[in-house]
Amino acid sequence: MPWIIQLCIITGFLLLGKFFGTIFHLPIPGSVIGMILLLGALIAGLAKLEWVEKAAAFQIKHLTLLFVPLVIGLFLSPNLIPLFDWSFIAALIVSSLCCLLGTAFSVEWFEKRKRRIHK
């Protein structure tokens, strides 16, 4: 499947998640809801991993580019760093670790499932 179509599928789930978040006034960001919907569709077999695999791999590969403006902004405004108290920094570290671990376990689970299907 062409890369641009895969990107459109991922974007479709993003927009669907934002729609549900807005309609039902959910406290979870629409992008997270969209990824949960995509995960559910993949698990249920409504969507195939091949439909989004290349575009998702590209986005993950270039994810660090999204953090560059944030880091540069902090370097240009070092006077903002003391405004963050320890609870904020601790929450940032814990949430980042949770995201990393959740992603790692999800990828591992999908890879095992993919190997089982292709055997």
N, C-alpha and C. Protein backbone atom coordinates (compact mmCIF):
# COMPACT_ATOMS: atom_id res chain seq x y z
N MET A 1 0.85 -1.18 0.00
CA MET A 1 0.00 0.00 0.00
C MET A 1 0.89 1.24 0.00
N PRO A 2 0.56 2.24 -0.81
CA PRO A 2 1.39 3.45 -0.86
C PRO A 2 1.48 4.14 0.50
N TRP A 3 2.63 4.76 0.70
CA TRP A 3 2.94 5.41 1.97
C TRP A 3 1.93 6.49 2.30
N ILE A 4 1.51 7.26 1.32
CA ILE A 4 0.60 8.38 1.57
C ILE A 4 -0.78 7.87 2.01
N ILE A 5 -1.21 6.74 1.48
CA ILE A 5 -2.49 6.15 1.90
C ILE A 5 -2.39 5.69 3.35
N GLN A 6 -1.24 5.11 3.71
CA GLN A 6 -1.03 4.68 5.09
C GLN A 6 -1.09 5.88 6.04
N LEU A 7 -0.48 6.97 5.63
CA LEU A 7 -0.52 8.19 6.44
C LEU A 7 -1.95 8.71 6.57
N CYS A 8 -2.73 8.60 5.51
CA CYS A 8 -4.13 9.03 5.56
C CYS A 8 -4.94 8.16 6.53
N ILE A 9 -4.64 6.87 6.58
CA ILE A 9 -5.34 5.98 7.52
C ILE A 9 -5.04 6.39 8.96
N ILE A 10 -3.76 6.62 9.24
CA ILE A 10 -3.37 7.05 10.59
C ILE A 10 -4.03 8.39 10.93
N THR A 11 -4.02 9.31 9.98
CA THR A 11 -4.65 10.62 10.19
C THR A 11 -6.15 10.48 10.39
N GLY A 12 -6.76 9.55 9.67
CA GLY A 12 -8.19 9.29 9.85
C GLY A 12 -8.53 8.85 11.27
N PHE A 13 -7.70 7.96 11.82
CA PHE A 13 -7.91 7.54 13.21
C PHE A 13 -7.67 8.70 14.17
N LEU A 14 -6.70 9.55 13.87
CA LEU A 14 -6.46 10.74 14.69
C LEU A 14 -7.70 11.64 14.70
N LEU A 15 -8.24 11.91 13.53
CA LEU A 15 -9.41 12.79 13.43
C LEU A 15 -10.64 12.16 14.09
N LEU A 16 -10.78 10.84 13.95
CA LEU A 16 -11.88 10.13 14.59
C LEU A 16 -11.76 10.23 16.11
N GLY A 17 -10.54 10.10 16.61
CA GLY A 17 -10.30 10.24 18.05
C GLY A 17 -10.62 11.64 18.54
N LYS A 18 -10.22 12.64 17.76
CA LYS A 18 -10.52 14.03 18.14
C LYS A 18 -12.03 14.28 18.12
N PHE A 19 -12.70 13.68 17.15
CA PHE A 19 -14.16 13.81 17.06
C PHE A 19 -14.83 13.22 18.30
N PHE A 20 -14.45 11.99 18.66
CA PHE A 20 -15.03 11.35 19.85
C PHE A 20 -14.70 12.13 21.12
N GLY A 21 -13.48 12.63 21.21
CA GLY A 21 -13.09 13.41 22.38
C GLY A 21 -13.91 14.68 22.52
N THR A 22 -14.20 15.32 21.41
CA THR A 22 -14.99 16.55 21.42
C THR A 22 -16.47 16.27 21.71
N ILE A 23 -17.02 15.28 21.03
CA ILE A 23 -18.44 14.97 21.18
C ILE A 23 -18.78 14.50 22.60
N PHE A 24 -17.92 13.62 23.15
CA PHE A 24 -18.21 13.05 24.46
C PHE A 24 -17.51 13.78 25.61
N HIS A 25 -16.84 14.89 25.30
CA HIS A 25 -16.15 15.71 26.31
C HIS A 25 -15.22 14.86 27.18
N LEU A 26 -14.39 14.06 26.52
CA LEU A 26 -13.47 13.17 27.24
C LEU A 26 -12.24 13.94 27.69
N PRO A 27 -11.69 13.59 28.85
CA PRO A 27 -10.50 14.29 29.35
C PRO A 27 -9.21 13.81 28.71
N ILE A 28 -9.31 12.85 27.80
CA ILE A 28 -8.14 12.29 27.13
C ILE A 28 -7.97 13.01 25.79
N PRO A 29 -6.73 13.36 25.41
CA PRO A 29 -6.53 14.02 24.11
C PRO A 29 -7.02 13.16 22.95
N GLY A 30 -7.53 13.82 21.94
CA GLY A 30 -8.05 13.13 20.77
C GLY A 30 -7.02 12.25 20.07
N SER A 31 -5.76 12.68 20.10
CA SER A 31 -4.72 11.87 19.46
C SER A 31 -4.55 10.54 20.18
N VAL A 32 -4.66 10.54 21.50
CA VAL A 32 -4.55 9.29 22.27
C VAL A 32 -5.76 8.40 21.99
N ILE A 33 -6.94 9.00 21.94
CA ILE A 33 -8.15 8.23 21.63
C ILE A 33 -8.02 7.61 20.24
N GLY A 34 -7.50 8.37 19.29
CA GLY A 34 -7.32 7.86 17.94
C GLY A 34 -6.36 6.68 17.89
N MET A 35 -5.27 6.76 18.64
CA MET A 35 -4.32 5.65 18.67
C MET A 35 -4.92 4.43 19.36
N ILE A 36 -5.77 4.65 20.37
CA ILE A 36 -6.46 3.52 21.02
C ILE A 36 -7.44 2.89 20.04
N LEU A 37 -8.13 3.71 19.26
CA LEU A 37 -9.03 3.19 18.24
C LEU A 37 -8.26 2.40 17.18
N LEU A 38 -7.11 2.91 16.77
CA LEU A 38 -6.28 2.19 15.80
C LEU A 38 -5.81 0.87 16.38
N LEU A 39 -5.36 0.88 17.62
CA LEU A 39 -4.94 -0.36 18.28
C LEU A 39 -6.09 -1.35 18.34
N GLY A 40 -7.27 -0.88 18.71
CA GLY A 40 -8.44 -1.75 18.75
C GLY A 40 -8.77 -2.33 17.39
N ALA A 41 -8.67 -1.51 16.35
CA ALA A 41 -8.94 -1.99 14.99
C ALA A 41 -7.91 -3.03 14.56
N LEU A 42 -6.66 -2.83 14.95
CA LEU A 42 -5.62 -3.81 14.62
C LEU A 42 -5.84 -5.12 15.36
N ILE A 43 -6.17 -5.04 16.63
CA ILE A 43 -6.40 -6.25 17.42
C ILE A 43 -7.64 -7.00 16.92
N ALA A 44 -8.69 -6.26 16.61
CA ALA A 44 -9.94 -6.88 16.15
C ALA A 44 -9.85 -7.39 14.72
N GLY A 45 -8.80 -7.02 14.01
CA GLY A 45 -8.66 -7.46 12.63
C GLY A 45 -9.40 -6.59 11.63
N LEU A 46 -9.92 -5.45 12.09
CA LEU A 46 -10.61 -4.53 11.19
C LEU A 46 -9.61 -3.78 10.31
N ALA A 47 -8.40 -3.64 10.79
CA ALA A 47 -7.32 -3.02 10.03
C ALA A 47 -6.13 -3.97 10.08
N LYS A 48 -5.34 -3.94 9.03
CA LYS A 48 -4.15 -4.80 8.99
C LYS A 48 -2.91 -3.95 9.26
N LEU A 49 -1.94 -4.55 9.91
CA LEU A 49 -0.71 -3.84 10.25
C LEU A 49 -0.03 -3.31 9.00
N GLU A 50 -0.11 -4.05 7.91
CA GLU A 50 0.52 -3.63 6.66
C GLU A 50 -0.07 -2.32 6.14
N TRP A 51 -1.28 -2.00 6.56
CA TRP A 51 -1.94 -0.78 6.11
C TRP A 51 -1.31 0.47 6.70
N VAL A 52 -0.62 0.35 7.82
CA VAL A 52 -0.07 1.53 8.50
C VAL A 52 1.40 1.37 8.86
N GLU A 53 1.98 0.23 8.57
CA GLU A 53 3.32 -0.09 9.06
C GLU A 53 4.41 0.86 8.56
N LYS A 54 4.44 1.13 7.27
CA LYS A 54 5.51 1.98 6.72
C LYS A 54 5.40 3.43 7.21
N ALA A 55 4.19 3.97 7.20
CA ALA A 55 4.00 5.35 7.65
C ALA A 55 4.30 5.49 9.14
N ALA A 56 3.88 4.50 9.93
CA ALA A 56 4.15 4.54 11.37
C ALA A 56 5.65 4.44 11.64
N ALA A 57 6.34 3.57 10.91
CA ALA A 57 7.79 3.43 11.10
C ALA A 57 8.50 4.73 10.74
N PHE A 58 8.06 5.39 9.68
CA PHE A 58 8.65 6.67 9.29
C PHE A 58 8.44 7.72 10.38
N GLN A 59 7.23 7.78 10.93
CA GLN A 59 6.94 8.76 11.97
C GLN A 59 7.75 8.49 13.23
N ILE A 60 7.88 7.23 13.60
CA ILE A 60 8.67 6.90 14.78
C ILE A 60 10.14 7.22 14.56
N LYS A 61 10.62 6.96 13.35
CA LYS A 61 12.02 7.22 13.02
C LYS A 61 12.35 8.71 13.16
N HIS A 62 11.41 9.57 12.80
CA HIS A 62 11.65 11.01 12.81
C HIS A 62 10.98 11.72 13.99
N LEU A 63 10.59 10.97 15.00
CA LEU A 63 9.91 11.54 16.16
C LEU A 63 10.76 12.56 16.89
N THR A 64 12.06 12.34 16.93
CA THR A 64 12.93 13.26 17.67
C THR A 64 12.90 14.68 17.09
N LEU A 65 12.59 14.81 15.81
CA LEU A 65 12.51 16.15 15.21
C LEU A 65 11.41 16.99 15.87
N LEU A 66 10.38 16.33 16.39
CA LEU A 66 9.30 17.07 17.02
C LEU A 66 9.72 17.68 18.36
N PHE A 67 10.75 17.11 18.99
CA PHE A 67 11.19 17.61 20.28
C PHE A 67 12.26 18.69 20.16
N VAL A 68 12.82 18.88 18.99
CA VAL A 68 13.88 19.87 18.81
C VAL A 68 13.40 21.28 19.17
N PRO A 69 12.24 21.75 18.70
CA PRO A 69 11.81 23.11 19.08
C PRO A 69 11.65 23.30 20.58
N LEU A 70 11.16 22.28 21.27
CA LEU A 70 11.01 22.36 22.72
C LEU A 70 12.35 22.53 23.41
N VAL A 71 13.32 21.71 23.03
CA VAL A 71 14.64 21.77 23.66
C VAL A 71 15.32 23.10 23.35
N ILE A 72 15.24 23.54 22.10
CA ILE A 72 15.85 24.82 21.73
C ILE A 72 15.18 25.96 22.49
N GLY A 73 13.86 25.89 22.65
CA GLY A 73 13.14 26.92 23.41
C GLY A 73 13.61 26.98 24.86
N LEU A 74 13.86 25.82 25.46
CA LEU A 74 14.36 25.81 26.84
C LEU A 74 15.78 26.37 26.92
N PHE A 75 16.61 26.05 25.92
CA PHE A 75 17.98 26.59 25.93
C PHE A 75 17.98 28.10 25.74
N LEU A 76 17.06 28.61 24.94
CA LEU A 76 16.99 30.05 24.69
C LEU A 76 16.36 30.80 25.86
N SER A 77 15.60 30.10 26.69
CA SER A 77 14.95 30.73 27.85
C SER A 77 15.29 29.97 29.13
N PRO A 78 16.55 29.98 29.54
CA PRO A 78 16.92 29.21 30.75
C PRO A 78 16.27 29.75 32.02
N ASN A 79 15.79 30.98 31.97
CA ASN A 79 15.12 31.53 33.16
C ASN A 79 13.78 30.86 33.44
N LEU A 80 13.24 30.11 32.48
CA LEU A 80 11.98 29.40 32.69
C LEU A 80 12.16 28.10 33.47
N ILE A 81 13.34 27.52 33.41
CA ILE A 81 13.57 26.22 34.05
C ILE A 81 13.31 26.25 35.55
N PRO A 82 13.75 27.28 36.30
CA PRO A 82 13.46 27.28 37.74
C PRO A 82 11.97 27.39 38.08
N LEU A 83 11.14 27.80 37.12
CA LEU A 83 9.71 27.91 37.38
C LEU A 83 9.05 26.54 37.55
N PHE A 84 9.70 25.50 37.01
CA PHE A 84 9.16 24.15 37.15
C PHE A 84 9.54 23.61 38.52
N ASP A 85 8.57 23.21 39.29
CA ASP A 85 8.90 22.62 40.59
C ASP A 85 9.19 21.13 40.42
N TRP A 86 9.62 20.49 41.49
CA TRP A 86 10.03 19.08 41.42
C TRP A 86 8.88 18.16 41.06
N SER A 87 7.67 18.49 41.49
CA SER A 87 6.54 17.61 41.16
C SER A 87 6.29 17.58 39.66
N PHE A 88 6.46 18.73 39.01
CA PHE A 88 6.30 18.78 37.57
C PHE A 88 7.37 17.95 36.87
N ILE A 89 8.60 18.09 37.32
CA ILE A 89 9.71 17.34 36.71
C ILE A 89 9.52 15.85 36.95
N ALA A 90 9.11 15.46 38.16
CA ALA A 90 8.87 14.05 38.46
C ALA A 90 7.74 13.50 37.60
N ALA A 91 6.67 14.26 37.45
CA ALA A 91 5.55 13.82 36.61
C ALA A 91 5.99 13.68 35.16
N LEU A 92 6.82 14.58 34.70
CA LEU A 92 7.34 14.52 33.33
C LEU A 92 8.17 13.26 33.12
N ILE A 93 9.04 12.95 34.07
CA ILE A 93 9.89 11.77 33.96
C ILE A 93 9.06 10.49 34.02
N VAL A 94 8.14 10.41 34.98
CA VAL A 94 7.32 9.21 35.13
C VAL A 94 6.43 8.99 33.90
N SER A 95 5.82 10.05 33.41
CA SER A 95 4.95 9.90 32.23
C SER A 95 5.76 9.52 31.00
N SER A 96 6.96 10.06 30.86
CA SER A 96 7.81 9.68 29.73
C SER A 96 8.20 8.22 29.81
N LEU A 97 8.55 7.75 31.00
CA LEU A 97 8.89 6.34 31.17
C LEU A 97 7.70 5.43 30.89
N CYS A 98 6.52 5.84 31.34
CA CYS A 98 5.31 5.06 31.06
C CYS A 98 5.05 4.96 29.56
N CYS A 99 5.22 6.07 28.86
CA CYS A 99 5.02 6.06 27.41
C CYS A 99 6.04 5.16 26.72
N LEU A 100 7.29 5.26 27.13
CA LEU A 100 8.33 4.42 26.53
C LEU A 100 8.06 2.95 26.79
N LEU A 101 7.73 2.60 28.03
CA LEU A 101 7.45 1.20 28.36
C LEU A 101 6.20 0.69 27.65
N GLY A 102 5.17 1.51 27.61
CA GLY A 102 3.95 1.12 26.91
C GLY A 102 4.20 0.88 25.43
N THR A 103 4.99 1.75 24.83
CA THR A 103 5.33 1.58 23.42
C THR A 103 6.17 0.33 23.21
N ALA A 104 7.14 0.11 24.07
CA ALA A 104 8.01 -1.06 23.94
C ALA A 104 7.21 -2.35 24.05
N PHE A 105 6.34 -2.44 25.04
CA PHE A 105 5.54 -3.66 25.21
C PHE A 105 4.56 -3.85 24.06
N SER A 106 3.98 -2.76 23.56
CA SER A 106 3.05 -2.86 22.43
C SER A 106 3.76 -3.35 21.18
N VAL A 107 4.92 -2.78 20.90
CA VAL A 107 5.69 -3.19 19.72
C VAL A 107 6.10 -4.65 19.84
N GLU A 108 6.55 -5.04 21.02
CA GLU A 108 6.95 -6.43 21.23
C GLU A 108 5.77 -7.37 21.03
N TRP A 109 4.61 -7.01 21.56
CA TRP A 109 3.42 -7.84 21.42
C TRP A 109 3.02 -7.97 19.96
N PHE A 110 3.03 -6.84 19.21
CA PHE A 110 2.66 -6.89 17.80
C PHE A 110 3.68 -7.68 16.98
N GLU A 111 4.94 -7.58 17.31
CA GLU A 111 5.96 -8.34 16.58
C GLU A 111 5.77 -9.84 16.81
N LYS A 112 5.49 -10.25 18.04
CA LYS A 112 5.23 -11.67 18.32
C LYS A 112 4.00 -12.14 17.56
N ARG A 113 2.96 -11.31 17.57
CA ARG A 113 1.72 -11.66 16.86
C ARG A 113 1.97 -11.75 15.35
N LYS A 114 2.76 -10.84 14.84
CA LYS A 114 3.07 -10.82 13.41
C LYS A 114 3.84 -12.08 13.02
N ARG A 115 4.82 -12.48 13.85
CA ARG A 115 5.59 -13.69 13.57
C ARG A 115 4.70 -14.93 13.61
N ARG A 116 3.77 -14.98 14.57
CA ARG A 116 2.85 -16.12 14.66
C ARG A 116 1.96 -16.21 13.43
N ILE A 117 1.49 -15.09 12.94
CA ILE A 117 0.60 -15.07 11.79
C ILE A 117 1.34 -15.50 10.53
N HIS A 118 2.59 -15.08 10.38
CA HIS A 118 3.35 -15.36 9.16
C HIS A 118 3.98 -16.75 9.15
N LYS A 119 3.87 -17.50 10.25
CA LYS A 119 4.45 -18.86 10.28
C LYS A 119 3.58 -19.85 9.57
